[in-house]
Amino acid sequence: MIEVLAQASEQAQGITGSIQAGLGCLGAAIGVGIVGMKAAEAVGRNPDASGQILVQSIIGMALAEAVAFYSLFL
C-alpha cells in the first residue's frame, strides 16, 4: 500500500509541472490575443499610426510570449 502511494505521489509531481506549463501557455495565448485585439482597435481608430502601433504590439506580444517560455523551462 505504501508503495502504491509513493508511485502516485511521483506521478502527481509530473502532473503539477504539466499543469503549470499549460496554465502559463494559456496565459500567454490570452495575452497575445488581447494585444492583437487592442492593436486592431487602435488601427481602426487611427490608421495613420499603424506603423507605430505595429511596433508596440509586436513588443507587447513578445513580452506575453516570454511568460510561456518561463512556465515551460522553469
N, C-alpha and C. Protein backbone atom coordinates (compact mmCIF):
# COMPACT_ATOMS: atom_id res chain seq x y z
N MET A 1 0.81 -1.19 0.00
CA MET A 1 0.00 0.00 0.00
C MET A 1 0.86 1.26 0.00
N ILE A 2 1.93 1.25 0.77
CA ILE A 2 2.82 2.41 0.83
C ILE A 2 3.52 2.60 -0.51
N GLU A 3 3.84 1.49 -1.18
CA GLU A 3 4.49 1.59 -2.49
C GLU A 3 3.57 2.24 -3.50
N VAL A 4 2.29 1.90 -3.44
CA VAL A 4 1.32 2.49 -4.37
C VAL A 4 1.20 3.99 -4.12
N LEU A 5 1.16 4.40 -2.87
CA LEU A 5 1.10 5.83 -2.55
C LEU A 5 2.36 6.56 -2.99
N ALA A 6 3.50 5.92 -2.88
CA ALA A 6 4.76 6.53 -3.31
C ALA A 6 4.75 6.73 -4.82
N GLN A 7 4.26 5.73 -5.56
CA GLN A 7 4.18 5.86 -7.02
C GLN A 7 3.19 6.95 -7.41
N ALA A 8 2.07 7.03 -6.70
CA ALA A 8 1.07 8.05 -7.00
C ALA A 8 1.62 9.45 -6.76
N SER A 9 2.40 9.62 -5.71
CA SER A 9 2.97 10.94 -5.44
C SER A 9 4.00 11.32 -6.49
N GLU A 10 4.76 10.35 -6.99
CA GLU A 10 5.72 10.63 -8.06
C GLU A 10 5.00 11.05 -9.33
N GLN A 11 3.90 10.39 -9.65
CA GLN A 11 3.14 10.75 -10.84
C GLN A 11 2.47 12.11 -10.68
N ALA A 12 2.03 12.44 -9.48
CA ALA A 12 1.39 13.73 -9.23
C ALA A 12 2.37 14.88 -9.41
N GLN A 13 3.63 14.67 -9.10
CA GLN A 13 4.63 15.72 -9.30
C GLN A 13 4.79 16.03 -10.78
N GLY A 14 4.74 15.03 -11.63
CA GLY A 14 4.81 15.26 -13.07
C GLY A 14 3.59 15.98 -13.59
N ILE A 15 2.43 15.68 -13.01
CA ILE A 15 1.20 16.32 -13.44
C ILE A 15 1.20 17.80 -13.07
N THR A 16 1.69 18.14 -11.88
CA THR A 16 1.70 19.55 -11.48
C THR A 16 2.60 20.37 -12.39
N GLY A 17 3.69 19.80 -12.85
CA GLY A 17 4.54 20.51 -13.80
C GLY A 17 3.82 20.74 -15.11
N SER A 18 3.04 19.76 -15.54
CA SER A 18 2.28 19.91 -16.78
C SER A 18 1.19 20.96 -16.62
N ILE A 19 0.56 20.99 -15.46
CA ILE A 19 -0.48 21.99 -15.22
C ILE A 19 0.13 23.38 -15.21
N GLN A 20 1.28 23.52 -14.61
CA GLN A 20 1.96 24.82 -14.58
C GLN A 20 2.29 25.28 -15.99
N ALA A 21 2.83 24.40 -16.80
CA ALA A 21 3.18 24.76 -18.17
C ALA A 21 1.94 25.08 -18.99
N GLY A 22 0.89 24.30 -18.79
CA GLY A 22 -0.35 24.55 -19.53
C GLY A 22 -0.98 25.88 -19.18
N LEU A 23 -1.02 26.19 -17.89
CA LEU A 23 -1.60 27.47 -17.47
C LEU A 23 -0.75 28.65 -17.93
N GLY A 24 0.57 28.47 -17.91
CA GLY A 24 1.45 29.53 -18.39
C GLY A 24 1.25 29.81 -19.87
N CYS A 25 1.12 28.75 -20.66
CA CYS A 25 0.89 28.92 -22.09
C CYS A 25 -0.50 29.49 -22.37
N LEU A 26 -1.47 29.09 -21.56
CA LEU A 26 -2.82 29.65 -21.71
C LEU A 26 -2.80 31.15 -21.43
N GLY A 27 -2.09 31.54 -20.39
CA GLY A 27 -1.98 32.97 -20.07
C GLY A 27 -1.30 33.75 -21.19
N ALA A 28 -0.27 33.15 -21.78
CA ALA A 28 0.42 33.82 -22.88
C ALA A 28 -0.50 33.96 -24.09
N ALA A 29 -1.28 32.92 -24.37
CA ALA A 29 -2.20 32.98 -25.51
C ALA A 29 -3.27 34.05 -25.29
N ILE A 30 -3.78 34.14 -24.08
CA ILE A 30 -4.77 35.18 -23.79
C ILE A 30 -4.15 36.57 -23.91
N GLY A 31 -2.91 36.72 -23.42
CA GLY A 31 -2.22 38.00 -23.52
C GLY A 31 -1.97 38.43 -24.95
N VAL A 32 -1.55 37.49 -25.79
CA VAL A 32 -1.31 37.82 -27.20
C VAL A 32 -2.62 38.18 -27.88
N GLY A 33 -3.70 37.48 -27.53
CA GLY A 33 -5.00 37.81 -28.11
C GLY A 33 -5.47 39.19 -27.73
N ILE A 34 -5.27 39.56 -26.49
CA ILE A 34 -5.69 40.90 -26.04
C ILE A 34 -4.86 41.97 -26.72
N VAL A 35 -3.55 41.75 -26.84
CA VAL A 35 -2.70 42.74 -27.51
C VAL A 35 -3.11 42.89 -28.97
N GLY A 36 -3.36 41.77 -29.64
CA GLY A 36 -3.79 41.84 -31.05
C GLY A 36 -5.13 42.53 -31.20
N MET A 37 -6.05 42.27 -30.29
CA MET A 37 -7.38 42.89 -30.34
C MET A 37 -7.26 44.40 -30.18
N LYS A 38 -6.48 44.82 -29.20
CA LYS A 38 -6.35 46.25 -28.95
C LYS A 38 -5.57 46.95 -30.07
N ALA A 39 -4.61 46.24 -30.67
CA ALA A 39 -3.86 46.83 -31.79
C ALA A 39 -4.79 47.03 -33.00
N ALA A 40 -5.63 46.05 -33.28
CA ALA A 40 -6.58 46.20 -34.38
C ALA A 40 -7.56 47.33 -34.11
N GLU A 41 -7.98 47.45 -32.87
CA GLU A 41 -8.89 48.54 -32.50
C GLU A 41 -8.21 49.89 -32.66
N ALA A 42 -6.94 49.97 -32.26
CA ALA A 42 -6.21 51.24 -32.37
C ALA A 42 -5.99 51.63 -33.83
N VAL A 43 -5.69 50.66 -34.68
CA VAL A 43 -5.51 50.97 -36.10
C VAL A 43 -6.83 51.40 -36.72
N GLY A 44 -7.93 50.81 -36.27
CA GLY A 44 -9.24 51.22 -36.76
C GLY A 44 -9.56 52.66 -36.38
N ARG A 45 -9.11 53.08 -35.23
CA ARG A 45 -9.37 54.45 -34.79
C ARG A 45 -8.43 55.46 -35.44
N ASN A 46 -7.17 55.05 -35.68
CA ASN A 46 -6.18 55.98 -36.24
C ASN A 46 -5.30 55.22 -37.24
N PRO A 47 -5.76 55.10 -38.48
CA PRO A 47 -5.00 54.32 -39.48
C PRO A 47 -3.63 54.90 -39.81
N ASP A 48 -3.45 56.19 -39.63
CA ASP A 48 -2.15 56.80 -39.95
C ASP A 48 -1.05 56.35 -39.01
N ALA A 49 -1.38 55.89 -37.82
CA ALA A 49 -0.37 55.47 -36.84
C ALA A 49 -0.16 53.96 -36.85
N SER A 50 -0.51 53.30 -37.95
CA SER A 50 -0.45 51.84 -37.98
C SER A 50 0.98 51.31 -37.82
N GLY A 51 1.97 52.02 -38.33
CA GLY A 51 3.36 51.58 -38.19
C GLY A 51 3.82 51.59 -36.74
N GLN A 52 3.51 52.67 -36.04
CA GLN A 52 3.89 52.76 -34.62
C GLN A 52 3.12 51.75 -33.78
N ILE A 53 1.85 51.54 -34.11
CA ILE A 53 1.04 50.58 -33.37
C ILE A 53 1.57 49.17 -33.59
N LEU A 54 2.00 48.87 -34.81
CA LEU A 54 2.53 47.55 -35.12
C LEU A 54 3.78 47.26 -34.30
N VAL A 55 4.67 48.23 -34.20
CA VAL A 55 5.90 48.04 -33.42
C VAL A 55 5.57 47.79 -31.95
N GLN A 56 4.69 48.60 -31.39
CA GLN A 56 4.33 48.44 -29.99
C GLN A 56 3.62 47.11 -29.73
N SER A 57 2.77 46.69 -30.66
CA SER A 57 2.05 45.43 -30.46
C SER A 57 2.99 44.23 -30.58
N ILE A 58 3.98 44.28 -31.45
CA ILE A 58 4.95 43.19 -31.55
C ILE A 58 5.76 43.07 -30.27
N ILE A 59 6.15 44.21 -29.71
CA ILE A 59 6.89 44.18 -28.44
C ILE A 59 6.01 43.62 -27.33
N GLY A 60 4.75 44.03 -27.28
CA GLY A 60 3.83 43.52 -26.27
C GLY A 60 3.58 42.03 -26.41
N MET A 61 3.46 41.55 -27.64
CA MET A 61 3.26 40.12 -27.86
C MET A 61 4.50 39.32 -27.48
N ALA A 62 5.67 39.87 -27.74
CA ALA A 62 6.90 39.18 -27.36
C ALA A 62 7.02 39.06 -25.84
N LEU A 63 6.65 40.10 -25.14
CA LEU A 63 6.69 40.05 -23.68
C LEU A 63 5.67 39.05 -23.14
N ALA A 64 4.50 38.97 -23.77
CA ALA A 64 3.50 38.00 -23.34
C ALA A 64 3.96 36.57 -23.62
N GLU A 65 4.63 36.36 -24.74
CA GLU A 65 5.14 35.03 -25.07
C GLU A 65 6.27 34.61 -24.14
N ALA A 66 6.98 35.56 -23.56
CA ALA A 66 8.05 35.22 -22.62
C ALA A 66 7.49 34.47 -21.41
N VAL A 67 6.25 34.76 -21.05
CA VAL A 67 5.62 34.06 -19.93
C VAL A 67 5.51 32.57 -20.24
N ALA A 68 5.20 32.23 -21.47
CA ALA A 68 5.10 30.82 -21.85
C ALA A 68 6.45 30.12 -21.72
N PHE A 69 7.51 30.78 -22.12
CA PHE A 69 8.83 30.18 -22.01
C PHE A 69 9.25 30.02 -20.55
N TYR A 70 8.91 30.99 -19.72
CA TYR A 70 9.21 30.87 -18.30
C TYR A 70 8.49 29.68 -17.69
N SER A 71 7.23 29.51 -18.05
CA SER A 71 6.47 28.40 -17.46
C SER A 71 6.92 27.05 -17.98
N LEU A 72 7.41 27.00 -19.21
CA LEU A 72 7.86 25.72 -19.76
C LEU A 72 9.23 25.31 -19.24
N PHE A 73 10.13 26.26 -19.08
CA PHE A 73 11.51 25.91 -18.79
C PHE A 73 11.90 26.10 -17.34
N LEU A 74 11.10 26.79 -16.54
CA LEU A 74 11.48 26.99 -15.14
C LEU A 74 10.70 26.10 -14.25
